[in-house]
C-alpha atoms as a PDB file:
ATOM      1  CA  MET A   1       0.000   0.000   0.000  1.00  0.00           C
ATOM      2  CA  SER A   2       1.397   3.349  -1.010  1.00  0.00           C
ATOM      3  CA  LEU A   3       0.788   6.443   1.096  1.00  0.00           C
ATOM      4  CA  PRO A   4       0.009   9.765  -0.584  1.00  0.00           C
ATOM      5  CA  LYS A   5       2.770  12.351  -0.746  1.00  0.00           C
ATOM      6  CA  ALA A   6       2.693  14.750   2.205  1.00  0.00           C
ATOM      7  CA  ASP A   7       2.076  18.472   1.823  1.00  0.00           C
ATOM      8  CA  LEU A   8       4.537  20.607   3.762  1.00  0.00           C
ATOM      9  CA  PRO A   9       3.207  23.000   6.393  1.00  0.00           C
ATOM     10  CA  GLN A  10       3.787  26.687   5.581  1.00  0.00           C
ATOM     11  CA  GLY A  11       7.406  27.694   6.162  1.00  0.00           C
ATOM     12  CA  THR A  12       8.714  24.141   6.519  1.00  0.00           C
ATOM     13  CA  LEU A  13      10.325  24.019   3.080  1.00  0.00           C
ATOM     14  CA  ASP A  14      12.764  26.818   3.957  1.00  0.00           C
ATOM     15  CA  MET A  15      13.909  24.947   7.066  1.00  0.00           C
ATOM     16  CA  LEU A  16      14.349  21.688   5.149  1.00  0.00           C
ATOM     17  CA  ILE A  17      16.334  23.397   2.392  1.00  0.00           C
ATOM     18  CA  LEU A  18      18.602  25.040   4.968  1.00  0.00           C
ATOM     19  CA  LYS A  19      19.177  21.661   6.628  1.00  0.00           C
ATOM     20  CA  VAL A  20      20.066  19.920   3.350  1.00  0.00           C
ATOM     21  CA  VAL A  21      22.363  22.747   2.219  1.00  0.00           C
ATOM     22  CA  ALA A  22      24.066  22.717   5.650  1.00  0.00           C
ATOM     23  CA  LEU A  23      25.457  19.285   4.678  1.00  0.00           C
ATOM     24  CA  GLY A  24      27.534  20.885   1.896  1.00  0.00           C
ATOM     25  CA  PRO A  25      27.261  22.769  -1.411  1.00  0.00           C
ATOM     26  CA  ILE A  26      24.488  21.334  -3.564  1.00  0.00           C
ATOM     27  CA  HIS A  27      22.464  22.273  -6.648  1.00  0.00           C
ATOM     28  CA  GLY A  28      18.693  22.698  -6.717  1.00  0.00           C
ATOM     29  CA  TYR A  29      17.728  19.426  -8.369  1.00  0.00           C
ATOM     30  CA  ALA A  30      19.927  17.512  -5.909  1.00  0.00           C
ATOM     31  CA  ILE A  31      18.224  19.297  -2.989  1.00  0.00           C
ATOM     32  CA  ALA A  32      14.849  17.988  -4.160  1.00  0.00           C
ATOM     33  CA  GLN A  33      16.291  14.495  -4.657  1.00  0.00           C
ATOM     34  CA  ARG A  34      17.937  14.473  -1.230  1.00  0.00           C
ATOM     35  CA  LEU A  35      14.730  15.605   0.511  1.00  0.00           C
ATOM     36  CA  GLN A  36      12.816  12.831  -1.233  1.00  0.00           C
ATOM     37  CA  GLN A  37      15.481  10.245  -0.382  1.00  0.00           C
ATOM     38  CA  ILE A  38      15.935  11.234   3.284  1.00  0.00           C
ATOM     39  CA  SER A  39      12.159  11.341   3.825  1.00  0.00           C
ATOM     40  CA  ARG A  40      11.824   7.834   2.346  1.00  0.00           C
ATOM     41  CA  GLU A  41       9.854   9.173  -0.617  1.00  0.00           C
ATOM     42  CA  VAL A  42       7.270  11.021   1.542  1.00  0.00           C
ATOM     43  CA  LEU A  43       8.410  14.532   0.616  1.00  0.00           C
ATOM     44  CA  GLN A  44       8.437  15.499  -3.037  1.00  0.00           C
ATOM     45  CA  VAL A  45       9.282  19.116  -3.708  1.00  0.00           C
ATOM     46  CA  GLN A  46       8.177  20.420  -7.084  1.00  0.00           C
ATOM     47  CA  GLN A  47      10.334  22.854  -9.058  1.00  0.00           C
ATOM     48  CA  GLY A  48       7.568  25.444  -8.794  1.00  0.00           C
ATOM     49  CA  SER A  49       8.051  25.474  -5.009  1.00  0.00           C
ATOM     50  CA  LEU A  50      11.767  24.735  -4.760  1.00  0.00           C
ATOM     51  CA  TYR A  51      13.269  27.434  -6.969  1.00  0.00           C
ATOM     52  CA  PRO A  52      11.226  30.338  -5.567  1.00  0.00           C
ATOM     53  CA  ALA A  53      12.241  29.151  -2.074  1.00  0.00           C
ATOM     54  CA  LEU A  54      15.918  29.031  -3.085  1.00  0.00           C
ATOM     55  CA  HIS A  55      15.699  32.585  -4.491  1.00  0.00           C
ATOM     56  CA  ARG A  56      13.931  33.771  -1.328  1.00  0.00           C
ATOM     57  CA  LEU A  57      16.625  32.221   0.903  1.00  0.00           C
ATOM     58  CA  GLU A  58      19.344  33.721  -1.276  1.00  0.00           C
ATOM     59  CA  ASN A  59      17.693  37.174  -1.084  1.00  0.00           C
ATOM     60  CA  ARG A  60      17.567  36.862   2.709  1.00  0.00           C
ATOM     61  CA  ARG A  61      21.306  36.062   2.577  1.00  0.00           C
ATOM     62  CA  TRP A  62      20.767  32.674   4.230  1.00  0.00           C
ATOM     63  CA  LEU A  63      22.184  30.979   1.127  1.00  0.00           C
ATOM     64  CA  LYS A  64      24.877  32.001  -1.320  1.00  0.00           C
ATOM     65  CA  ALA A  65      25.091  30.587  -4.806  1.00  0.00           C
ATOM     66  CA  GLY A  66      27.643  30.114  -7.540  1.00  0.00           C
ATOM     67  CA  TRP A  67      27.827  28.302 -10.857  1.00  0.00           C
ATOM     68  CA  ARG A  68      29.819  25.057 -11.179  1.00  0.00           C
ATOM     69  CA  ILE A  69      29.957  21.990 -13.347  1.00  0.00           C
ATOM     70  CA  SER A  70      27.740  19.251 -11.883  1.00  0.00           C
ATOM     71  CA  GLU A  71      28.434  15.518 -11.766  1.00  0.00           C
ATOM     72  CA  THR A  72      26.577  15.210 -15.083  1.00  0.00           C
ATOM     73  CA  GLY A  73      28.972  17.673 -16.753  1.00  0.00           C
ATOM     74  CA  ARG A  74      26.397  20.472 -16.995  1.00  0.00           C
ATOM     75  CA  GLU A  75      26.631  23.881 -15.436  1.00  0.00           C
ATOM     76  CA  ALA A  76      24.460  24.158 -12.317  1.00  0.00           C
ATOM     77  CA  LYS A  77      23.882  26.738  -9.596  1.00  0.00           C
ATOM     78  CA  TYR A  78      25.257  25.393  -6.307  1.00  0.00           C
ATOM     79  CA  TYR A  79      23.963  26.685  -2.987  1.00  0.00           C
ATOM     80  CA  SER A  80      25.894  27.013   0.267  1.00  0.00           C
ATOM     81  CA  LEU A  81      24.771  28.028   3.727  1.00  0.00           C
ATOM     82  CA  THR A  82      25.914  31.436   4.980  1.00  0.00           C
ATOM     83  CA  ARG A  83      26.592  32.303   8.624  1.00  0.00           C
ATOM     84  CA  GLU A  84      23.211  34.010   8.744  1.00  0.00           C
ATOM     85  CA  GLY A  85      21.665  30.863   7.257  1.00  0.00           C
ATOM     86  CA  ALA A  86      23.274  28.680   9.923  1.00  0.00           C
ATOM     87  CA  ARG A  87      21.881  30.961  12.627  1.00  0.00           C
ATOM     88  CA  GLN A  88      18.452  30.858  10.994  1.00  0.00           C
ATOM     89  CA  LEU A  89      18.577  27.059  10.809  1.00  0.00           C
ATOM     90  CA  THR A  90      19.136  26.979  14.586  1.00  0.00           C
ATOM     91  CA  VAL A  91      16.115  29.252  15.098  1.00  0.00           C
ATOM     92  CA  GLU A  92      13.994  27.144  12.724  1.00  0.00           C
ATOM     93  CA  ARG A  93      14.987  23.916  14.528  1.00  0.00           C
ATOM     94  CA  LYS A  94      13.967  25.341  17.911  1.00  0.00           C
ATOM     95  CA  ASN A  95      10.648  26.567  16.517  1.00  0.00           C
ATOM     96  CA  TRP A  96      10.012  23.213  14.837  1.00  0.00           C
ATOM     97  CA  LYS A  97      10.690  21.274  18.062  1.00  0.00           C
ATOM     98  CA  ARG A  98       8.289  23.550  19.952  1.00  0.00           C
ATOM     99  CA  LEU A  99       5.589  23.142  17.293  1.00  0.00           C
ATOM    100  CA  ALA A 100       6.065  19.346  17.063  1.00  0.00           C
ATOM    101  CA  LYS A 101       5.768  19.056  20.855  1.00  0.00           C
ATOM    102  CA  ALA A 102       2.560  21.118  20.841  1.00  0.00           C
ATOM    103  CA  VAL A 103       1.046  18.991  18.050  1.00  0.00           C
ATOM    104  CA  ARG A 104       1.975  15.788  19.920  1.00  0.00           C
ATOM    105  CA  LEU A 105       0.246  17.120  23.024  1.00  0.00           C
ATOM    106  CA  VAL A 106      -2.924  17.844  21.090  1.00  0.00           C
ATOM    107  CA  MET A 107      -2.882  14.489  19.272  1.00  0.00           C
ATOM    108  CA  GLN A 108      -2.264  12.348  22.372  1.00  0.00           C
ATOM    109  CA  PRO A 109      -5.332  10.639  23.751  1.00  0.00           C
ATOM    110  CA  ALA A 110      -6.724  12.288  26.878  1.00  0.00           C
ATOM    111  CA  GLU A 111      -5.729  10.490  30.044  1.00  0.00           C
END
């Protein structure tokens, strides 16, 4: 039985992108692939969501980008985390943990 793909809550994509890019320089298509792989195929990020998010994060100076030759021999824009991006990832993690705890509390059966 296959489960449907999950929709991401508002703002979650930015945090996930920051986390993946924190692992090392990576191009956009590989970010989407890595998110899908790490999530065991639950998260599928479409180009129409991914690239606007990457531009937004770059404009906020949380990511920096530069062109390089990819493993396929094509030129690709590689993204790296900035210091500001690393700080933001820490903030996002804390907020996510707080939200996840609150949702767990609501979803637990009443005792």
